């Protein structure tokens, strides 16, 4: 099984967009994905709840919720049959929590927007992954996604120049497209939309999914916790831990 963590403590970087479209891609590809949402805003779970009957199944785990009757490890256990686990992390994530969240991660994707503030936030994020989470460069598990870019602009060139200095692969450059908004509103992913409407966007995803396909799965068995027990829980929104909307669970076994 592969565990893919989408991570950047800077809010608004596009983590949920990346996570939901990845889960959609895996579902369309015939793999059994689980989408775990660690953000108390629950954006990934809302997207999952919008999915219509008959769409490829995606299991959902609302990892931001808490239930006093079960342990954190039990609440975040990976369902049997899961082949791809996609973790959508929260904004303002404390660096001390990185080891727990990235434990056994096959890939860690850091989306970065083309702005000075986001560039500095990404630098800090990657530094924390290397120094605090102890992710080694030679493991080739960290990758950057340049998100919502407009090519032929000065800020885009500045972003790409900065990313080159990190010696971390840039596995996708995604344009600022209305198709992502439409997908979020409908509970779809780009790979489920009419191809002629999203052809340019799909082409930009090919390097990313190709890079992920080359990652060697680490040791994490379905049915075991996706997040280690040392992780501090966040304020719940009020539902049972590990639950997902009925639409998100539809058709999953």
Protein backbone atom coordinates (compact mmCIF):
# COMPACT_ATOMS: atom_id res chain seq x y z
CA UNK A 1 0.00 0.00 0.00
CA UNK A 2 1.09 3.56 -0.65
CA UNK A 3 0.58 6.37 1.86
CA UNK A 4 0.68 9.81 0.22
CA UNK A 5 0.75 12.87 2.49
CA UNK A 6 -0.16 16.29 1.06
CA UNK A 7 1.46 18.79 3.38
CA UNK A 8 2.16 22.49 3.74
CA UNK A 9 1.42 24.37 6.98
CA UNK A 10 0.71 27.48 4.90
CA UNK A 11 -3.04 27.77 4.39
CA UNK A 12 -4.46 28.18 0.91
CA UNK A 13 -1.70 26.31 -0.89
CA UNK A 14 -4.11 23.86 -2.52
CA UNK A 15 -3.66 20.77 -0.34
CA UNK A 16 -7.29 19.70 -0.56
CA UNK A 17 -7.35 20.20 -4.33
CA UNK A 18 -4.34 17.94 -4.71
CA UNK A 19 -5.62 15.33 -2.24
CA UNK A 20 -9.13 15.01 -3.67
CA UNK A 21 -7.97 14.83 -7.27
CA UNK A 22 -5.39 12.20 -6.36
CA UNK A 23 -8.05 10.11 -4.60
CA UNK A 24 -10.26 10.48 -7.67
CA UNK A 25 -7.42 9.42 -9.98
CA UNK A 26 -6.73 6.28 -7.94
CA UNK A 27 -10.44 5.39 -7.85
CA UNK A 28 -10.79 5.79 -11.62
CA UNK A 29 -7.65 3.69 -12.07
CA UNK A 30 -9.31 0.77 -10.30
CA UNK A 31 -7.34 1.09 -7.08
CA UNK A 32 -9.13 1.25 -3.73
CA UNK A 33 -8.30 4.67 -2.24
CA UNK A 34 -8.91 6.00 1.24
CA UNK A 35 -8.98 9.77 1.73
CA UNK A 36 -8.10 10.92 5.24
CA UNK A 37 -8.89 14.51 6.22
CA UNK A 38 -6.88 15.91 9.15
CA UNK A 39 -8.08 19.49 8.71
CA UNK A 40 -10.83 20.60 11.12
CA UNK A 41 -12.46 22.52 8.26
CA UNK A 42 -13.33 19.15 6.73
CA UNK A 43 -13.04 20.29 3.11
CA UNK A 44 -12.05 16.86 1.78
CA UNK A 45 -14.94 15.21 3.59
CA UNK A 46 -17.40 17.76 2.20
CA UNK A 47 -16.09 17.02 -1.30
CA UNK A 48 -16.52 13.33 -0.63
CA UNK A 49 -20.07 13.90 0.50
CA UNK A 50 -20.94 15.55 -2.82
CA UNK A 51 -20.00 12.51 -4.87
CA UNK A 52 -22.93 10.94 -6.69
CA UNK A 53 -23.98 7.31 -6.58
CA UNK A 54 -22.24 5.29 -9.23
CA UNK A 55 -18.97 7.21 -9.09
CA UNK A 56 -15.85 5.18 -8.29
CA UNK A 57 -15.77 4.47 -4.56
CA UNK A 58 -13.50 6.42 -2.21
CA UNK A 59 -13.50 5.59 1.49
CA UNK A 60 -13.29 8.59 3.81
CA UNK A 61 -11.80 9.04 7.28
CA UNK A 62 -12.53 12.27 9.14
CA UNK A 63 -9.26 12.26 11.04
CA UNK A 64 -9.98 15.61 12.70
CA UNK A 65 -12.79 14.09 14.74
CA UNK A 66 -12.37 12.60 18.18
CA UNK A 67 -14.29 9.96 20.06
CA UNK A 68 -13.54 9.40 23.74
CA UNK A 69 -14.68 5.78 23.41
CA UNK A 70 -11.88 4.75 21.03
CA UNK A 71 -8.15 5.39 20.81
CA UNK A 72 -6.61 7.68 18.21
CA UNK A 73 -4.91 4.68 16.62
CA UNK A 74 -8.21 2.83 16.27
CA UNK A 75 -9.98 5.87 14.81
CA UNK A 76 -7.36 6.34 12.10
CA UNK A 77 -6.93 2.69 11.13
CA UNK A 78 -6.74 2.05 7.39
CA UNK A 79 -9.65 -0.02 6.01
CA UNK A 80 -8.85 -3.47 4.71
CA UNK A 81 -8.49 -3.48 0.95
CA UNK A 82 -7.00 0.01 0.78
CA UNK A 83 -4.33 0.29 -1.90
CA UNK A 84 -3.75 4.05 -1.78
CA UNK A 85 -4.07 6.23 1.32
CA UNK A 86 -4.15 10.00 0.63
CA UNK A 87 -3.77 12.25 3.68
CA UNK A 88 -4.98 15.85 3.49
CA UNK A 89 -3.24 17.67 6.35
CA UNK A 90 -4.29 20.77 8.27
CA UNK A 91 -3.05 24.32 7.91
CA UNK A 92 -0.89 25.73 10.71
CA UNK A 93 0.42 22.24 11.38
CA UNK A 94 2.95 22.21 14.21
CA UNK A 95 6.37 20.92 13.19
CA UNK A 96 6.43 18.55 16.18
CA UNK A 97 3.56 16.60 14.60
CA UNK A 98 5.40 15.92 11.36
CA UNK A 99 7.06 12.65 12.45
CA UNK A 100 3.67 11.13 13.35
CA UNK A 101 1.92 12.24 10.18
CA UNK A 102 4.73 11.31 7.78
CA UNK A 103 5.51 7.97 9.43
CA UNK A 104 5.58 5.25 6.75
CA UNK A 105 4.71 7.77 4.02
CA UNK A 106 5.55 6.61 0.53
CA UNK A 107 5.43 10.19 -0.76
CA UNK A 108 5.12 13.67 0.75
CA UNK A 109 3.78 16.29 -1.64
CA UNK A 110 4.32 19.98 -0.86
CA UNK A 111 2.14 22.31 -2.96
CA UNK A 112 3.56 25.83 -3.34
CA UNK A 113 1.91 28.96 -4.70
CA UNK A 114 3.88 31.57 -6.69
CA UNK A 115 4.21 34.29 -4.04
CA UNK A 116 7.00 35.47 -1.79
CA UNK A 117 5.12 34.48 1.37
CA UNK A 118 4.41 30.99 0.06
CA UNK A 119 7.98 30.49 -1.10
CA UNK A 120 9.33 31.21 2.37
CA UNK A 121 6.67 28.99 3.96
CA UNK A 122 7.61 26.13 1.63
CA UNK A 123 11.28 26.51 2.50
CA UNK A 124 10.46 26.23 6.19
CA UNK A 125 8.18 23.23 5.58
CA UNK A 126 10.82 21.30 3.67
CA UNK A 127 13.45 22.17 6.25
CA UNK A 128 11.21 20.78 9.00
CA UNK A 129 10.61 17.61 7.00
CA UNK A 130 14.35 17.07 6.69
CA UNK A 131 15.37 18.06 10.21
CA UNK A 132 12.38 17.20 12.42
CA UNK A 133 10.59 14.43 10.53
CA UNK A 134 14.02 13.00 9.57
CA UNK A 135 13.08 12.43 5.93
CA UNK A 136 16.34 11.90 4.04
CA UNK A 137 16.82 13.43 0.60
CA UNK A 138 18.22 10.18 -0.76
CA UNK A 139 14.93 8.43 0.06
CA UNK A 140 13.32 10.55 -2.66
CA UNK A 141 10.00 10.73 -0.84
CA UNK A 142 9.52 14.53 -0.89
CA UNK A 143 8.31 16.34 -3.98
CA UNK A 144 7.04 19.84 -4.74
CA UNK A 145 4.00 20.83 -6.77
CA UNK A 146 3.99 24.36 -8.22
CA UNK A 147 0.31 25.21 -7.90
CA UNK A 148 -1.96 27.82 -9.54
CA UNK A 149 0.84 29.16 -11.67
CA UNK A 150 0.70 31.56 -14.57
CA UNK A 151 3.69 30.96 -16.77
CA UNK A 152 5.60 33.81 -18.43
CA UNK A 153 5.30 35.91 -15.27
CA UNK A 154 8.12 37.19 -13.08
CA UNK A 155 6.72 35.56 -9.95
CA UNK A 156 6.57 32.17 -11.72
CA UNK A 157 10.22 32.47 -12.75
CA UNK A 158 11.13 33.43 -9.19
CA UNK A 159 9.27 30.40 -7.88
CA UNK A 160 10.99 27.97 -10.24
CA UNK A 161 14.39 29.50 -9.51
CA UNK A 162 13.78 29.04 -5.80
CA UNK A 163 12.60 25.46 -6.20
CA UNK A 164 15.79 24.59 -8.06
CA UNK A 165 17.80 25.58 -4.99
CA UNK A 166 15.98 23.08 -2.78
CA UNK A 167 17.26 20.04 -4.67
CA UNK A 168 13.79 18.56 -4.25
CA UNK A 169 12.01 17.39 -7.43
CA UNK A 170 9.20 19.53 -8.84
CA UNK A 171 6.86 16.81 -10.08
CA UNK A 172 4.03 18.98 -11.40
CA UNK A 173 3.31 22.53 -12.49
CA UNK A 174 -0.43 23.11 -12.32
CA UNK A 175 -2.09 26.11 -13.92
CA UNK A 176 -4.70 28.34 -12.30
CA UNK A 177 -7.78 26.66 -13.80
CA UNK A 178 -11.53 26.98 -13.20
CA UNK A 179 -11.79 23.23 -13.69
CA UNK A 180 -10.56 22.70 -10.12
CA UNK A 181 -13.38 24.87 -8.81
CA UNK A 182 -15.94 22.93 -10.84
CA UNK A 183 -14.52 19.64 -9.60
CA UNK A 184 -14.68 20.79 -5.96
CA UNK A 185 -18.29 21.88 -6.33
CA UNK A 186 -19.44 18.63 -7.94
CA UNK A 187 -17.51 16.10 -5.88
CA UNK A 188 -15.57 15.00 -8.94
CA UNK A 189 -11.91 14.82 -9.87
CA UNK A 190 -10.35 16.00 -13.10
CA UNK A 191 -9.98 12.39 -14.23
CA UNK A 192 -13.76 11.92 -13.95
CA UNK A 193 -14.69 14.97 -16.00
CA UNK A 194 -15.19 15.10 -19.76
CA UNK A 195 -11.70 14.83 -21.26
CA UNK A 196 -12.14 17.57 -23.83
CA UNK A 197 -12.89 20.03 -21.02
CA UNK A 198 -9.83 19.20 -18.90
CA UNK A 199 -7.27 17.99 -21.45
CA UNK A 200 -4.65 20.66 -20.63
CA UNK A 201 -5.04 20.09 -16.90
CA UNK A 202 -4.77 16.31 -17.21
CA UNK A 203 -1.52 16.65 -19.14
CA UNK A 204 -0.06 18.62 -16.24
CA UNK A 205 -0.91 15.78 -13.84
CA UNK A 206 0.84 13.06 -15.81
CA UNK A 207 4.36 13.74 -14.41
CA UNK A 208 2.96 13.65 -10.87
CA UNK A 209 1.10 10.35 -11.20
CA UNK A 210 4.10 8.91 -13.03
CA UNK A 211 6.41 9.90 -10.17
CA UNK A 212 4.04 8.40 -7.60
CA UNK A 213 3.88 5.14 -9.55
CA UNK A 214 7.65 4.80 -9.15
CA UNK A 215 7.60 5.13 -5.35
CA UNK A 216 8.25 1.91 -3.49
CA UNK A 217 5.51 1.19 -0.93
CA UNK A 218 6.72 1.21 2.66
CA UNK A 219 5.63 -1.13 5.42
CA UNK A 220 2.08 -0.22 6.37
CA UNK A 221 -0.64 -2.82 6.29
CA UNK A 222 -4.35 -2.05 5.82
CA UNK A 223 -6.13 -2.25 9.16
CA UNK A 224 -3.25 -0.58 11.03
CA UNK A 225 -3.22 3.07 12.20
CA UNK A 226 -2.36 5.64 9.55
CA UNK A 227 -1.30 8.14 12.22
CA UNK A 228 0.79 7.10 15.21
CA UNK A 229 -0.69 7.46 18.68
CA UNK A 230 1.64 10.27 19.74
CA UNK A 231 -0.29 12.69 17.48
CA UNK A 232 -2.22 15.26 19.46
CA UNK A 233 -5.88 15.31 18.49
CA UNK A 234 -7.63 18.46 17.36
CA UNK A 235 -10.99 19.86 18.35
CA UNK A 236 -13.71 17.66 16.87
CA UNK A 237 -16.61 18.87 14.78
CA UNK A 238 -19.01 16.62 16.59
CA UNK A 239 -19.37 13.33 14.71
CA UNK A 240 -17.97 9.86 15.34
CA UNK A 241 -14.27 9.43 14.70
CA UNK A 242 -13.35 7.79 11.45
CA UNK A 243 -16.74 8.45 9.92
CA UNK A 244 -17.46 9.69 6.44
CA UNK A 245 -20.58 10.91 4.76
CA UNK A 246 -22.90 8.23 3.39
CA UNK A 247 -22.07 9.36 -0.13
CA UNK A 248 -18.37 8.97 0.58
CA UNK A 249 -18.87 5.39 1.75
CA UNK A 250 -21.23 4.36 -1.01
CA UNK A 251 -20.18 1.17 -2.75
CA UNK A 252 -17.07 0.57 -0.61
CA UNK A 253 -16.47 -2.83 0.83
